[in-house]
Amino acid sequence: MFLPRRPASNRITQFLNESKNLPLSYGPVGIARHSPRGFKLDEARAVIGVGLAAFKTAKDALCHWRHFDFGWVELHPQGAAIETGTVVAVLVQHLGFWSLNGCRIVYLTHDDDDHETSFGFAYGTLANHAELGEEIFEVSFDPASQEVSYTIRAVSKPRAALALAGYPITRMLQERFRRDSIAAMKRAVGG
């Protein structure tokens, strides 16, 4: 949903309530783990800290959506649970206008066996999102090097007419999101 100005809190709450029963705008779940034809694949990875304490801090930061702490993007509701089925609204300030986009957490990227070396989740776009696709956010710890890394992997393509018409700008904003998200995680971990 594209808007000429920042929506009021009650409008964001209404949007979230309307989003809860919407279907995903793509299929099948899990496409971000592959390179599906017709989708643009983007991946960014950076070392954000060193040591087990930094990894625990990075997991906590991811659980509190600190990877969205950079000003021009907001997550609603703040503090949304990192569990399959959670619906969030991503509010983005563009070049003179705003967009509100619904997403649902579709899977966790870790299981009990690797919970000590990786942690993350993926969310997918809902039918009211300007894009179609899925995005993975994950932190990992390498016991050998002691490095803590943050990875964003996304597959997407435009859905809304305005996103398609402004595709070069959309791509620029996606790149900016990855760069700013990595910087936010570095700040959160203290790296």
C-alpha atoms as a PDB file:
ATOM      1  CA  MET A   1       0.000   0.000   0.000  1.00  0.00           C
ATOM      2  CA  PHE A   2       1.497   3.341  -1.092  1.00  0.00           C
ATOM      3  CA  LEU A   3       0.662   6.460   0.911  1.00  0.00           C
ATOM      4  CA  PRO A   4       1.326  10.192   0.429  1.00  0.00           C
ATOM      5  CA  ARG A   5       2.222  10.635   4.121  1.00  0.00           C
ATOM      6  CA  ARG A   6       3.122   8.600   7.187  1.00  0.00           C
ATOM      7  CA  PRO A   7       0.040   6.683   8.362  1.00  0.00           C
ATOM      8  CA  ALA A   8      -1.325   7.251  11.874  1.00  0.00           C
ATOM      9  CA  SER A   9      -0.884   4.492  14.469  1.00  0.00           C
ATOM     10  CA  ASN A  10      -4.526   3.412  14.240  1.00  0.00           C
ATOM     11  CA  ARG A  11      -4.159   2.985  10.450  1.00  0.00           C
ATOM     12  CA  ILE A  12      -1.079   0.792  10.961  1.00  0.00           C
ATOM     13  CA  THR A  13      -2.994  -1.293  13.528  1.00  0.00           C
ATOM     14  CA  GLN A  14      -5.908  -1.641  11.087  1.00  0.00           C
ATOM     15  CA  PHE A  15      -3.481  -2.707   8.335  1.00  0.00           C
ATOM     16  CA  LEU A  16      -1.957  -5.352  10.649  1.00  0.00           C
ATOM     17  CA  ASN A  17      -5.390  -6.708  11.569  1.00  0.00           C
ATOM     18  CA  GLU A  18      -6.376  -6.909   7.891  1.00  0.00           C
ATOM     19  CA  SER A  19      -3.066  -8.646   7.084  1.00  0.00           C
ATOM     20  CA  LYS A  20      -3.445 -11.513   9.559  1.00  0.00           C
ATOM     21  CA  ASN A  21      -5.667 -13.607   7.283  1.00  0.00           C
ATOM     22  CA  LEU A  22      -4.089 -12.721   3.957  1.00  0.00           C
ATOM     23  CA  PRO A  23      -2.299 -15.385   1.937  1.00  0.00           C
ATOM     24  CA  LEU A  24       1.335 -15.207   0.933  1.00  0.00           C
ATOM     25  CA  SER A  25       1.831 -13.503  -2.434  1.00  0.00           C
ATOM     26  CA  TYR A  26       4.208 -16.214  -3.696  1.00  0.00           C
ATOM     27  CA  GLY A  27       4.871 -19.910  -3.389  1.00  0.00           C
ATOM     28  CA  PRO A  28       6.208 -22.253  -2.353  1.00  0.00           C
ATOM     29  CA  VAL A  29       7.515 -21.358   1.116  1.00  0.00           C
ATOM     30  CA  GLY A  30      11.290 -21.792   1.188  1.00  0.00           C
ATOM     31  CA  ILE A  31      12.130 -20.141  -2.128  1.00  0.00           C
ATOM     32  CA  ALA A  32      14.782 -17.910  -0.522  1.00  0.00           C
ATOM     33  CA  ARG A  33      16.906 -21.019   0.033  1.00  0.00           C
ATOM     34  CA  HIS A  34      17.074 -21.490  -3.746  1.00  0.00           C
ATOM     35  CA  SER A  35      17.382 -19.315  -6.835  1.00  0.00           C
ATOM     36  CA  PRO A  36      13.915 -19.563  -8.384  1.00  0.00           C
ATOM     37  CA  ARG A  37      13.514 -18.533 -11.997  1.00  0.00           C
ATOM     38  CA  GLY A  38      11.863 -15.158 -12.443  1.00  0.00           C
ATOM     39  CA  PHE A  39      13.015 -13.824  -9.058  1.00  0.00           C
ATOM     40  CA  LYS A  40      15.962 -11.556  -8.309  1.00  0.00           C
ATOM     41  CA  LEU A  41      18.312 -13.158  -5.762  1.00  0.00           C
ATOM     42  CA  ASP A  42      20.241 -10.893  -3.399  1.00  0.00           C
ATOM     43  CA  GLU A  43      22.565 -11.897  -0.584  1.00  0.00           C
ATOM     44  CA  ALA A  44      24.713  -9.846   1.752  1.00  0.00           C
ATOM     45  CA  ARG A  45      26.915 -11.190   4.517  1.00  0.00           C
ATOM     46  CA  ALA A  46      29.218  -9.406   6.954  1.00  0.00           C
ATOM     47  CA  VAL A  47      31.198 -10.169  10.065  1.00  0.00           C
ATOM     48  CA  ILE A  48      29.540  -8.198  12.872  1.00  0.00           C
ATOM     49  CA  GLY A  49      31.501  -9.397  15.903  1.00  0.00           C
ATOM     50  CA  VAL A  50      33.846 -11.930  17.449  1.00  0.00           C
ATOM     51  CA  GLY A  51      33.255 -14.509  20.172  1.00  0.00           C
ATOM     52  CA  LEU A  52      30.400 -16.428  21.734  1.00  0.00           C
ATOM     53  CA  ALA A  53      29.220 -13.413  23.754  1.00  0.00           C
ATOM     54  CA  ALA A  54      28.904 -11.422  20.509  1.00  0.00           C
ATOM     55  CA  PHE A  55      26.903 -14.279  18.968  1.00  0.00           C
ATOM     56  CA  LYS A  56      24.485 -14.290  21.925  1.00  0.00           C
ATOM     57  CA  THR A  57      24.120 -10.518  21.584  1.00  0.00           C
ATOM     58  CA  ALA A  58      23.493 -10.904  17.828  1.00  0.00           C
ATOM     59  CA  LYS A  59      20.772 -13.517  18.455  1.00  0.00           C
ATOM     60  CA  ASP A  60      19.127 -11.197  20.964  1.00  0.00           C
ATOM     61  CA  ALA A  61      19.366  -8.290  18.505  1.00  0.00           C
ATOM     62  CA  LEU A  62      17.708 -10.372  15.772  1.00  0.00           C
ATOM     63  CA  CYS A  63      14.945 -11.436  18.202  1.00  0.00           C
ATOM     64  CA  HIS A  64      14.273  -7.760  18.942  1.00  0.00           C
ATOM     65  CA  TRP A  65      14.323  -6.735  15.256  1.00  0.00           C
ATOM     66  CA  ARG A  66      17.360  -4.493  15.799  1.00  0.00           C
ATOM     67  CA  HIS A  67      18.281  -5.196  12.163  1.00  0.00           C
ATOM     68  CA  PHE A  68      15.477  -2.706  11.332  1.00  0.00           C
ATOM     69  CA  ASP A  69      16.881   0.087  13.556  1.00  0.00           C
ATOM     70  CA  PHE A  70      17.984   2.631  10.979  1.00  0.00           C
ATOM     71  CA  GLY A  71      15.340   5.307  10.571  1.00  0.00           C
ATOM     72  CA  TRP A  72      13.712   5.057   7.173  1.00  0.00           C
ATOM     73  CA  VAL A  73      12.161   1.604   7.799  1.00  0.00           C
ATOM     74  CA  GLU A  74       9.957   0.723  10.770  1.00  0.00           C
ATOM     75  CA  LEU A  75       8.598  -2.603  11.929  1.00  0.00           C
ATOM     76  CA  HIS A  76       5.131  -2.925  13.462  1.00  0.00           C
ATOM     77  CA  PRO A  77       4.318  -4.146  15.992  1.00  0.00           C
ATOM     78  CA  GLN A  78       7.584  -3.421  17.736  1.00  0.00           C
ATOM     79  CA  GLY A  79       8.919  -6.504  19.491  1.00  0.00           C
ATOM     80  CA  ALA A  80       6.932  -8.952  17.346  1.00  0.00           C
ATOM     81  CA  ALA A  81       7.617 -12.572  18.316  1.00  0.00           C
ATOM     82  CA  ILE A  82      10.104 -14.497  16.182  1.00  0.00           C
ATOM     83  CA  GLU A  83       7.917 -17.516  15.538  1.00  0.00           C
ATOM     84  CA  THR A  84       6.287 -19.064  12.523  1.00  0.00           C
ATOM     85  CA  GLY A  85       2.996 -17.329  11.744  1.00  0.00           C
ATOM     86  CA  THR A  86       3.811 -13.908  13.220  1.00  0.00           C
ATOM     87  CA  VAL A  87       2.516 -11.117  10.961  1.00  0.00           C
ATOM     88  CA  VAL A  88       4.323  -7.788  10.770  1.00  0.00           C
ATOM     89  CA  ALA A  89       3.933  -4.564   8.830  1.00  0.00           C
ATOM     90  CA  VAL A  90       7.010  -2.937   7.332  1.00  0.00           C
ATOM     91  CA  LEU A  91       6.610   0.813   6.976  1.00  0.00           C
ATOM     92  CA  VAL A  92       9.063   2.377   4.515  1.00  0.00           C
ATOM     93  CA  GLN A  93       9.740   6.044   3.825  1.00  0.00           C
ATOM     94  CA  HIS A  94      10.613   6.356   0.140  1.00  0.00           C
ATOM     95  CA  LEU A  95      11.415   9.375  -1.963  1.00  0.00           C
ATOM     96  CA  GLY A  96       8.588  11.635  -0.778  1.00  0.00           C
ATOM     97  CA  PHE A  97       6.012   8.953   0.005  1.00  0.00           C
ATOM     98  CA  TRP A  98       5.471   5.927   2.269  1.00  0.00           C
ATOM     99  CA  SER A  99       4.574   2.288   1.780  1.00  0.00           C
ATOM    100  CA  LEU A 100       3.100  -0.211   4.209  1.00  0.00           C
ATOM    101  CA  ASN A 101       3.807  -3.872   3.454  1.00  0.00           C
ATOM    102  CA  GLY A 102       2.587  -7.040   5.153  1.00  0.00           C
ATOM    103  CA  CYS A 103       4.877 -10.005   5.884  1.00  0.00           C
ATOM    104  CA  ARG A 104       4.553 -13.291   7.769  1.00  0.00           C
ATOM    105  CA  ILE A 105       7.324 -15.286   9.407  1.00  0.00           C
ATOM    106  CA  VAL A 106       7.236 -18.533   7.433  1.00  0.00           C
ATOM    107  CA  TYR A 107      10.042 -20.571   9.034  1.00  0.00           C
ATOM    108  CA  LEU A 108      12.968 -20.523  11.416  1.00  0.00           C
ATOM    109  CA  THR A 109      16.352 -21.279   9.879  1.00  0.00           C
ATOM    110  CA  HIS A 110      17.801 -23.096  12.861  1.00  0.00           C
ATOM    111  CA  ASP A 111      16.917 -26.321  14.559  1.00  0.00           C
ATOM    112  CA  ASP A 112      17.819 -27.621  17.988  1.00  0.00           C
ATOM    113  CA  ASP A 113      21.087 -29.138  16.755  1.00  0.00           C
ATOM    114  CA  ASP A 114      22.619 -25.939  15.359  1.00  0.00           C
ATOM    115  CA  HIS A 115      20.993 -23.399  17.683  1.00  0.00           C
ATOM    116  CA  GLU A 116      24.415 -22.739  19.217  1.00  0.00           C
ATOM    117  CA  THR A 117      26.029 -21.821  15.897  1.00  0.00           C
ATOM    118  CA  SER A 118      23.200 -20.244  13.870  1.00  0.00           C
ATOM    119  CA  PHE A 119      19.910 -18.519  14.479  1.00  0.00           C
ATOM    120  CA  GLY A 120      17.465 -16.880  12.122  1.00  0.00           C
ATOM    121  CA  PHE A 121      14.136 -16.733  10.390  1.00  0.00           C
ATOM    122  CA  ALA A 122      12.510 -16.004   7.066  1.00  0.00           C
ATOM    123  CA  TYR A 123       9.497 -13.902   6.332  1.00  0.00           C
ATOM    124  CA  GLY A 124       7.400 -13.924   3.225  1.00  0.00           C
ATOM    125  CA  THR A 125       5.392 -11.216   1.526  1.00  0.00           C
ATOM    126  CA  LEU A 126       1.630 -11.131   1.919  1.00  0.00           C
ATOM    127  CA  ALA A 127      -0.885 -10.212  -0.775  1.00  0.00           C
ATOM    128  CA  ASN A 128      -0.775  -6.537   0.341  1.00  0.00           C
ATOM    129  CA  HIS A 129       3.003  -6.168  -0.164  1.00  0.00           C
ATOM    130  CA  ALA A 130       4.485  -4.200  -3.094  1.00  0.00           C
ATOM    131  CA  GLU A 131       6.877  -7.103  -3.812  1.00  0.00           C
ATOM    132  CA  LEU A 132       6.613 -10.883  -4.087  1.00  0.00           C
ATOM    133  CA  GLY A 133       9.219 -12.884  -2.250  1.00  0.00           C
ATOM    134  CA  GLU A 134      10.914 -14.174   0.828  1.00  0.00           C
ATOM    135  CA  GLU A 135      13.782 -12.877   2.955  1.00  0.00           C
ATOM    136  CA  ILE A 136      16.046 -14.713   5.405  1.00  0.00           C
ATOM    137  CA  PHE A 137      17.758 -12.961   8.321  1.00  0.00           C
ATOM    138  CA  GLU A 138      20.373 -15.089  10.070  1.00  0.00           C
ATOM    139  CA  VAL A 139      23.296 -14.764  12.466  1.00  0.00           C
ATOM    140  CA  SER A 140      25.955 -17.457  12.704  1.00  0.00           C
ATOM    141  CA  PHE A 141      28.992 -18.286  14.803  1.00  0.00           C
ATOM    142  CA  ASP A 142      32.097 -20.015  13.469  1.00  0.00           C
ATOM    143  CA  PRO A 143      33.748 -21.845  16.404  1.00  0.00           C
ATOM    144  CA  ALA A 144      37.069 -22.089  14.543  1.00  0.00           C
ATOM    145  CA  SER A 145      37.494 -18.393  13.698  1.00  0.00           C
ATOM    146  CA  GLN A 146      35.187 -17.096  16.469  1.00  0.00           C
ATOM    147  CA  GLU A 147      33.585 -14.782  13.876  1.00  0.00           C
ATOM    148  CA  VAL A 148      29.941 -13.812  14.166  1.00  0.00           C
ATOM    149  CA  SER A 149      28.290 -13.143  10.804  1.00  0.00           C
ATOM    150  CA  TYR A 150      24.972 -11.659   9.750  1.00  0.00           C
ATOM    151  CA  THR A 151      23.421 -12.771   6.476  1.00  0.00           C
ATOM    152  CA  ILE A 152      20.450 -11.426   4.539  1.00  0.00           C
ATOM    153  CA  ARG A 153      19.267 -13.538   1.611  1.00  0.00           C
ATOM    154  CA  ALA A 154      16.235 -12.514  -0.404  1.00  0.00           C
ATOM    155  CA  VAL A 155      14.383 -13.451  -3.551  1.00  0.00           C
ATOM    156  CA  SER A 156      11.956 -10.907  -4.912  1.00  0.00           C
ATOM    157  CA  LYS A 157      10.162  -9.432  -7.856  1.00  0.00           C
ATOM    158  CA  PRO A 158       7.772  -6.476  -8.134  1.00  0.00           C
ATOM    159  CA  ARG A 159       4.048  -7.091  -7.596  1.00  0.00           C
ATOM    160  CA  ALA A 160       2.513  -3.597  -7.422  1.00  0.00           C
ATOM    161  CA  ALA A 161       2.426  -1.480 -10.582  1.00  0.00           C
ATOM    162  CA  LEU A 162       4.315   1.348  -8.870  1.00  0.00           C
ATOM    163  CA  ALA A 163       7.053  -1.084  -7.741  1.00  0.00           C
ATOM    164  CA  LEU A 164       7.355  -2.362 -11.315  1.00  0.00           C
ATOM    165  CA  ALA A 165       7.369   1.130 -12.855  1.00  0.00           C
ATOM    166  CA  GLY A 166      10.022   2.278 -10.408  1.00  0.00           C
ATOM    167  CA  TYR A 167      12.014  -0.971 -10.455  1.00  0.00           C
ATOM    168  CA  PRO A 168      15.465   0.700 -10.616  1.00  0.00           C
ATOM    169  CA  ILE A 169      14.538   2.715  -7.507  1.00  0.00           C
ATOM    170  CA  THR A 170      13.157  -0.424  -5.843  1.00  0.00           C
ATOM    171  CA  ARG A 171      16.477  -2.189  -6.464  1.00  0.00           C
ATOM    172  CA  MET A 172      18.370   0.790  -5.038  1.00  0.00           C
ATOM    173  CA  LEU A 173      16.211   0.741  -1.890  1.00  0.00           C
ATOM    174  CA  GLN A 174      16.685  -3.023  -1.487  1.00  0.00           C
ATOM    175  CA  GLU A 175      20.476  -2.566  -1.634  1.00  0.00           C
ATOM    176  CA  ARG A 176      20.264   0.326   0.823  1.00  0.00           C
ATOM    177  CA  PHE A 177      18.161  -1.841   3.177  1.00  0.00           C
ATOM    178  CA  ARG A 178      20.805  -4.597   3.187  1.00  0.00           C
ATOM    179  CA  ARG A 179      23.625  -2.129   3.810  1.00  0.00           C
ATOM    180  CA  ASP A 180      21.738  -0.285   6.593  1.00  0.00           C
ATOM    181  CA  SER A 181      20.568  -3.541   8.189  1.00  0.00           C
ATOM    182  CA  ILE A 182      24.154  -4.819   8.391  1.00  0.00           C
ATOM    183  CA  ALA A 183      25.256  -1.510   9.944  1.00  0.00           C
ATOM    184  CA  ALA A 184      22.404  -1.748  12.483  1.00  0.00           C
ATOM    185  CA  MET A 185      23.468  -5.253  13.485  1.00  0.00           C
ATOM    186  CA  LYS A 186      27.099  -4.137  13.832  1.00  0.00           C
ATOM    187  CA  ARG A 187      25.946  -1.345  16.168  1.00  0.00           C
ATOM    188  CA  ALA A 188      23.752  -3.763  18.125  1.00  0.00           C
ATOM    189  CA  VAL A 189      26.641  -6.178  18.666  1.00  0.00           C
ATOM    190  CA  GLY A 190      29.138  -3.393  19.325  1.00  0.00           C
ATOM    191  CA  GLY A 191      31.286  -4.266  16.328  1.00  0.00           C
END
